[in-house]
Amino acid sequence: MVFPKNIFNSHPKEDGDFFLGIQHILGFKPKKLKIYKKAFLHRSANKRDNEGNPMNYERLEFLGDAMLGTIISHYLYKQVPGGDEGYLTKMRSKIVSREHLNELGKDLNLIQFVESRIPKSHFGDNIHGNVFEALVGAIYLDRGYKYCEKFIQSRVIEPYVDIEQLEGKVISYKSLVIEWCQKQKKSFNFDVYEDTGKDLLKHFAVKLSIEEHVIAKARATSKKKAEERASKRAYFALQNKIDKA
């Protein structure tokens, strides 16, 4: 392997390792390494810049989210000339869903670069998607729109985006079930309550009722996750009716 000139002379060894690791993921050389380091800096590290501003990946995450949405929107606009605004918006939401971004971050093993005072085993799944978006933001600041587009094309669109498959992908089973209930003029209710039991972490249980009949139950570490799991079970229990509606 041929190493970039002077990389180990200009940075400590850990910077050299970081440079090579990031270069492998990007597919091109990063210019401003500090920007990429910030993309993996968790707020628990409690670092500040010379002006006293907090240093972490959250601002880059905000920027990366916007860049990702713009580039995916441009791709869909060109790729699906017959798609109206509603269709394009729905397809973009499927590509940049939190679940999908978490998968992307995991596949690239971005968590290996995260600097934090919290053990990595304590992070939830969203850390993977958060740092992926922060990395996109760092690319934009370091190399501009074209390189940002190149990265998203090679790491997101080419390996993961299939228009036909995405058309049938469900983003939220909860939204799907609610929409069906509303169309059919059926009453529904999510009865959520704490159900910790013997678990170390707090859990929530949910009963999903339609027309006052319990259709599905689920539990998870958050209300949102519990409702989504119950909705998924309800969807498969009522799939024939929902799909025909």
Protein backbone atom coordinates (compact mmCIF):
# COMPACT_ATOMS: atom_id res chain seq x y z
CA MET A 1 0.00 0.00 0.00
CA VAL A 2 1.29 3.47 -0.93
CA PHE A 3 0.68 5.99 1.83
CA PRO A 4 0.03 9.68 1.12
CA LYS A 5 3.21 11.76 1.31
CA ASN A 6 4.09 13.22 4.68
CA ILE A 7 0.85 12.08 6.30
CA PHE A 8 2.62 10.50 9.22
CA ASN A 9 5.07 13.40 9.47
CA SER A 10 2.35 16.07 9.66
CA HIS A 11 -0.01 14.23 12.05
CA PRO A 12 0.28 11.87 15.01
CA LYS A 13 -0.14 8.20 14.21
CA GLU A 14 -3.82 8.22 15.18
CA ASP A 15 -4.43 11.04 12.70
CA GLY A 16 -2.70 9.01 10.01
CA ASP A 17 -4.88 6.01 10.77
CA PHE A 18 -7.98 8.22 10.77
CA PHE A 19 -6.96 9.76 7.43
CA LEU A 20 -6.56 6.37 5.80
CA GLY A 21 -9.80 5.04 7.28
CA ILE A 22 -11.80 8.05 6.09
CA GLN A 23 -10.14 8.02 2.67
CA HIS A 24 -11.15 4.38 2.24
CA ILE A 25 -14.79 5.20 3.03
CA LEU A 26 -14.91 8.38 0.92
CA GLY A 27 -13.14 7.02 -2.13
CA PHE A 28 -11.06 10.22 -2.33
CA LYS A 29 -8.59 12.14 -0.17
CA PRO A 30 -9.94 14.43 2.55
CA LYS A 31 -8.26 17.84 2.59
CA LYS A 32 -9.28 19.33 5.94
CA LEU A 33 -9.02 16.48 8.43
CA LYS A 34 -10.32 18.60 11.34
CA ILE A 35 -13.73 18.85 9.72
CA TYR A 36 -14.04 15.08 9.52
CA LYS A 37 -12.88 14.67 13.11
CA LYS A 38 -15.68 16.98 14.20
CA ALA A 39 -18.15 14.80 12.25
CA PHE A 40 -17.49 12.03 14.79
CA LEU A 41 -17.24 14.13 17.93
CA HIS A 42 -20.08 13.32 20.34
CA ARG A 43 -21.37 16.07 22.62
CA SER A 44 -20.36 13.98 25.67
CA ALA A 45 -16.72 14.73 24.81
CA ASN A 46 -17.55 18.27 26.02
CA LYS A 47 -15.10 20.06 23.73
CA ARG A 48 -15.17 23.72 22.68
CA ASP A 49 -13.45 25.77 20.00
CA ASN A 50 -11.31 28.87 20.59
CA GLU A 51 -14.45 31.05 20.75
CA GLY A 52 -16.03 28.83 23.38
CA ASN A 53 -18.61 27.29 21.04
CA PRO A 54 -19.50 23.62 21.66
CA MET A 55 -17.75 21.22 19.27
CA ASN A 56 -19.67 18.11 18.19
CA TYR A 57 -21.18 16.56 15.08
CA GLU A 58 -24.68 18.03 15.49
CA ARG A 59 -24.23 21.09 13.26
CA LEU A 60 -22.61 18.96 10.56
CA GLU A 61 -25.50 16.50 10.94
CA PHE A 62 -27.93 19.36 10.22
CA LEU A 63 -25.96 20.36 7.12
CA GLY A 64 -25.55 16.77 5.92
CA ASP A 65 -29.28 16.13 6.25
CA ALA A 66 -29.97 19.09 3.94
CA MET A 67 -27.32 18.03 1.41
CA LEU A 68 -28.53 14.45 1.38
CA GLY A 69 -32.12 15.56 0.80
CA THR A 70 -31.07 17.91 -2.03
CA ILE A 71 -28.95 15.34 -3.86
CA ILE A 72 -31.54 12.57 -3.53
CA SER A 73 -34.25 14.99 -4.71
CA HIS A 74 -32.15 15.87 -7.77
CA TYR A 75 -31.57 12.19 -8.51
CA LEU A 76 -35.28 11.33 -8.29
CA TYR A 77 -36.24 14.38 -10.37
CA LYS A 78 -34.02 13.14 -13.21
CA GLN A 79 -34.70 9.43 -12.74
CA VAL A 80 -38.52 9.57 -12.55
CA PRO A 81 -39.68 12.24 -15.04
CA GLY A 82 -43.31 11.18 -14.64
CA GLY A 83 -43.37 11.39 -10.85
CA ASP A 84 -45.46 14.15 -9.31
CA GLU A 85 -44.49 16.10 -6.18
CA GLY A 86 -46.27 13.72 -3.80
CA TYR A 87 -44.64 10.64 -5.35
CA LEU A 88 -41.15 12.18 -5.34
CA THR A 89 -41.53 13.32 -1.73
CA LYS A 90 -42.63 9.87 -0.62
CA MET A 91 -39.72 8.18 -2.46
CA ARG A 92 -37.20 10.61 -0.98
CA SER A 93 -38.58 9.91 2.50
CA LYS A 94 -38.02 6.19 1.98
CA ILE A 95 -34.40 6.68 0.91
CA VAL A 96 -33.48 9.08 3.72
CA SER A 97 -35.57 7.42 6.43
CA ARG A 98 -33.93 7.15 9.85
CA GLU A 99 -33.96 3.37 9.56
CA HIS A 100 -32.14 3.46 6.23
CA LEU A 101 -29.57 6.02 7.40
CA ASN A 102 -28.84 3.87 10.45
CA GLU A 103 -28.24 0.90 8.16
CA LEU A 104 -25.87 2.97 6.01
CA GLY A 105 -23.88 4.09 9.05
CA LYS A 106 -23.65 0.51 10.31
CA ASP A 107 -22.56 -0.86 6.93
CA LEU A 108 -19.72 1.68 6.83
CA ASN A 109 -18.87 0.99 10.50
CA LEU A 110 -18.73 4.73 11.17
CA ILE A 111 -19.10 4.24 14.91
CA GLN A 112 -15.46 3.12 15.02
CA PHE A 113 -14.46 6.77 14.58
CA VAL A 114 -16.79 8.27 17.21
CA GLU A 115 -15.06 10.13 20.04
CA SER A 116 -17.16 10.04 23.19
CA ARG A 117 -17.06 9.68 26.95
CA ILE A 118 -19.97 7.27 26.70
CA PRO A 119 -19.21 3.60 25.95
CA LYS A 120 -20.22 2.86 22.35
CA SER A 121 -22.26 -0.10 23.54
CA HIS A 122 -24.60 2.37 25.28
CA PHE A 123 -25.55 4.24 22.11
CA GLY A 124 -28.88 3.63 20.40
CA ASP A 125 -29.22 2.84 16.70
CA ASN A 126 -29.63 6.49 15.71
CA ILE A 127 -25.94 7.24 16.33
CA HIS A 128 -25.14 5.41 13.08
CA GLY A 129 -27.44 7.60 10.98
CA ASN A 130 -26.44 10.76 12.82
CA VAL A 131 -22.74 10.41 12.06
CA PHE A 132 -23.51 9.38 8.47
CA GLU A 133 -25.31 12.70 7.97
CA ALA A 134 -22.48 14.53 9.75
CA LEU A 135 -19.99 12.89 7.39
CA VAL A 136 -21.99 14.13 4.39
CA GLY A 137 -21.89 17.62 5.87
CA ALA A 138 -18.13 17.37 6.35
CA ILE A 139 -17.64 16.30 2.72
CA TYR A 140 -19.61 19.31 1.53
CA LEU A 141 -17.53 21.75 3.61
CA ASP A 142 -14.26 20.09 2.63
CA ARG A 143 -14.71 19.33 -1.08
CA GLY A 144 -17.96 20.96 -2.21
CA TYR A 145 -21.18 19.80 -3.85
CA LYS A 146 -19.68 17.63 -6.62
CA TYR A 147 -17.71 15.43 -4.22
CA CYS A 148 -20.71 15.26 -1.91
CA GLU A 149 -22.84 14.09 -4.84
CA LYS A 150 -20.16 11.59 -5.86
CA PHE A 151 -20.08 10.08 -2.37
CA ILE A 152 -23.87 9.77 -2.12
CA GLN A 153 -24.03 8.27 -5.60
CA SER A 154 -21.46 5.57 -4.76
CA ARG A 155 -22.44 4.87 -1.14
CA VAL A 156 -26.21 5.37 -1.18
CA ILE A 157 -27.78 5.38 -4.64
CA GLU A 158 -25.84 2.69 -6.52
CA PRO A 159 -25.84 0.00 -3.78
CA TYR A 160 -29.22 0.67 -2.16
CA VAL A 161 -31.66 2.61 -4.35
CA ASP A 162 -34.01 0.51 -6.48
CA ILE A 163 -37.07 2.51 -7.55
CA GLU A 164 -39.36 -0.50 -8.01
CA GLN A 165 -38.45 -1.99 -4.62
CA LEU A 166 -38.82 1.37 -2.90
CA GLU A 167 -42.32 1.79 -4.29
CA GLY A 168 -43.42 -1.20 -2.24
CA LYS A 169 -41.43 -0.36 0.88
CA VAL A 170 -43.38 0.66 3.98
CA ILE A 171 -41.80 3.52 5.94
CA SER A 172 -44.25 3.55 8.85
CA TYR A 173 -46.73 0.78 9.63
CA LYS A 174 -48.38 3.10 12.11
CA SER A 175 -49.13 5.68 9.41
CA LEU A 176 -50.35 2.92 7.10
CA VAL A 177 -52.76 1.50 9.69
CA ILE A 178 -54.05 4.94 10.70
CA GLU A 179 -54.59 5.93 7.08
CA TRP A 180 -56.57 2.71 6.46
CA CYS A 181 -58.69 3.25 9.59
CA GLN A 182 -59.48 6.80 8.53
CA LYS A 183 -60.44 5.74 5.01
CA GLN A 184 -62.67 2.98 6.36
CA LYS A 185 -64.07 5.31 9.05
CA LYS A 186 -62.96 2.89 11.78
CA SER A 187 -62.07 4.08 15.29
CA PHE A 188 -58.61 3.20 16.59
CA ASN A 189 -56.66 3.69 19.79
CA PHE A 190 -53.06 3.19 20.97
CA ASP A 191 -53.14 2.38 24.69
CA VAL A 192 -49.56 2.94 25.90
CA TYR A 193 -48.29 2.28 29.42
CA GLU A 194 -45.02 1.59 31.21
CA ASP A 195 -44.14 -2.09 31.41
CA THR A 196 -40.65 -2.33 32.89
CA GLY A 197 -41.00 -5.75 34.52
CA LYS A 198 -37.59 -7.27 35.18
CA ASP A 199 -35.82 -5.29 32.46
CA LEU A 200 -32.99 -2.98 33.40
CA LEU A 201 -34.20 -0.38 30.88
CA LYS A 202 -37.64 1.21 31.03
CA HIS A 203 -40.04 -0.42 28.59
CA PHE A 204 -43.39 0.64 27.22
CA ALA A 205 -46.23 -1.65 26.21
CA VAL A 206 -48.97 -0.80 23.76
CA LYS A 207 -52.32 -2.29 22.83
CA LEU A 208 -53.64 -1.28 19.42
CA SER A 209 -57.42 -1.44 19.25
CA ILE A 210 -59.58 -1.00 16.17
CA GLU A 211 -63.31 -0.64 16.69
CA GLU A 212 -62.66 -1.37 20.39
CA HIS A 213 -61.13 -4.78 19.60
CA VAL A 214 -57.46 -5.37 20.50
CA ILE A 215 -55.72 -6.22 17.24
CA ALA A 216 -52.07 -6.26 18.31
CA LYS A 217 -49.77 -5.80 21.30
CA ALA A 218 -46.06 -4.92 21.53
CA ARG A 219 -43.43 -3.56 23.88
CA ALA A 220 -40.18 -1.65 23.36
CA THR A 221 -37.82 0.83 25.00
CA SER A 222 -39.78 3.84 23.68
CA LYS A 223 -43.43 4.66 23.06
CA LYS A 224 -42.74 5.32 19.38
CA LYS A 225 -41.05 1.95 18.85
CA ALA A 226 -43.78 0.09 20.73
CA GLU A 227 -46.51 1.73 18.64
CA GLU A 228 -44.66 0.95 15.41
CA ARG A 229 -44.19 -2.71 16.39
CA ALA A 230 -47.85 -3.08 17.31
CA SER A 231 -48.84 -1.40 14.05
CA LYS A 232 -46.65 -3.78 12.05
CA ARG A 233 -48.32 -6.77 13.72
CA ALA A 234 -51.73 -5.24 13.08
CA TYR A 235 -50.84 -4.68 9.42
CA PHE A 236 -49.95 -8.33 8.87
CA ALA A 237 -53.08 -9.41 10.74
CA LEU A 238 -55.20 -7.23 8.44
CA GLN A 239 -52.99 -7.27 5.34
CA ASN A 240 -55.59 -8.61 2.92
CA LYS A 241 -58.09 -5.91 3.92
CA ILE A 242 -55.55 -3.08 3.98
CA ASP A 243 -53.94 -3.98 0.65
CA LYS A 244 -57.34 -4.18 -1.09
CA ALA A 245 -58.48 -0.80 0.21
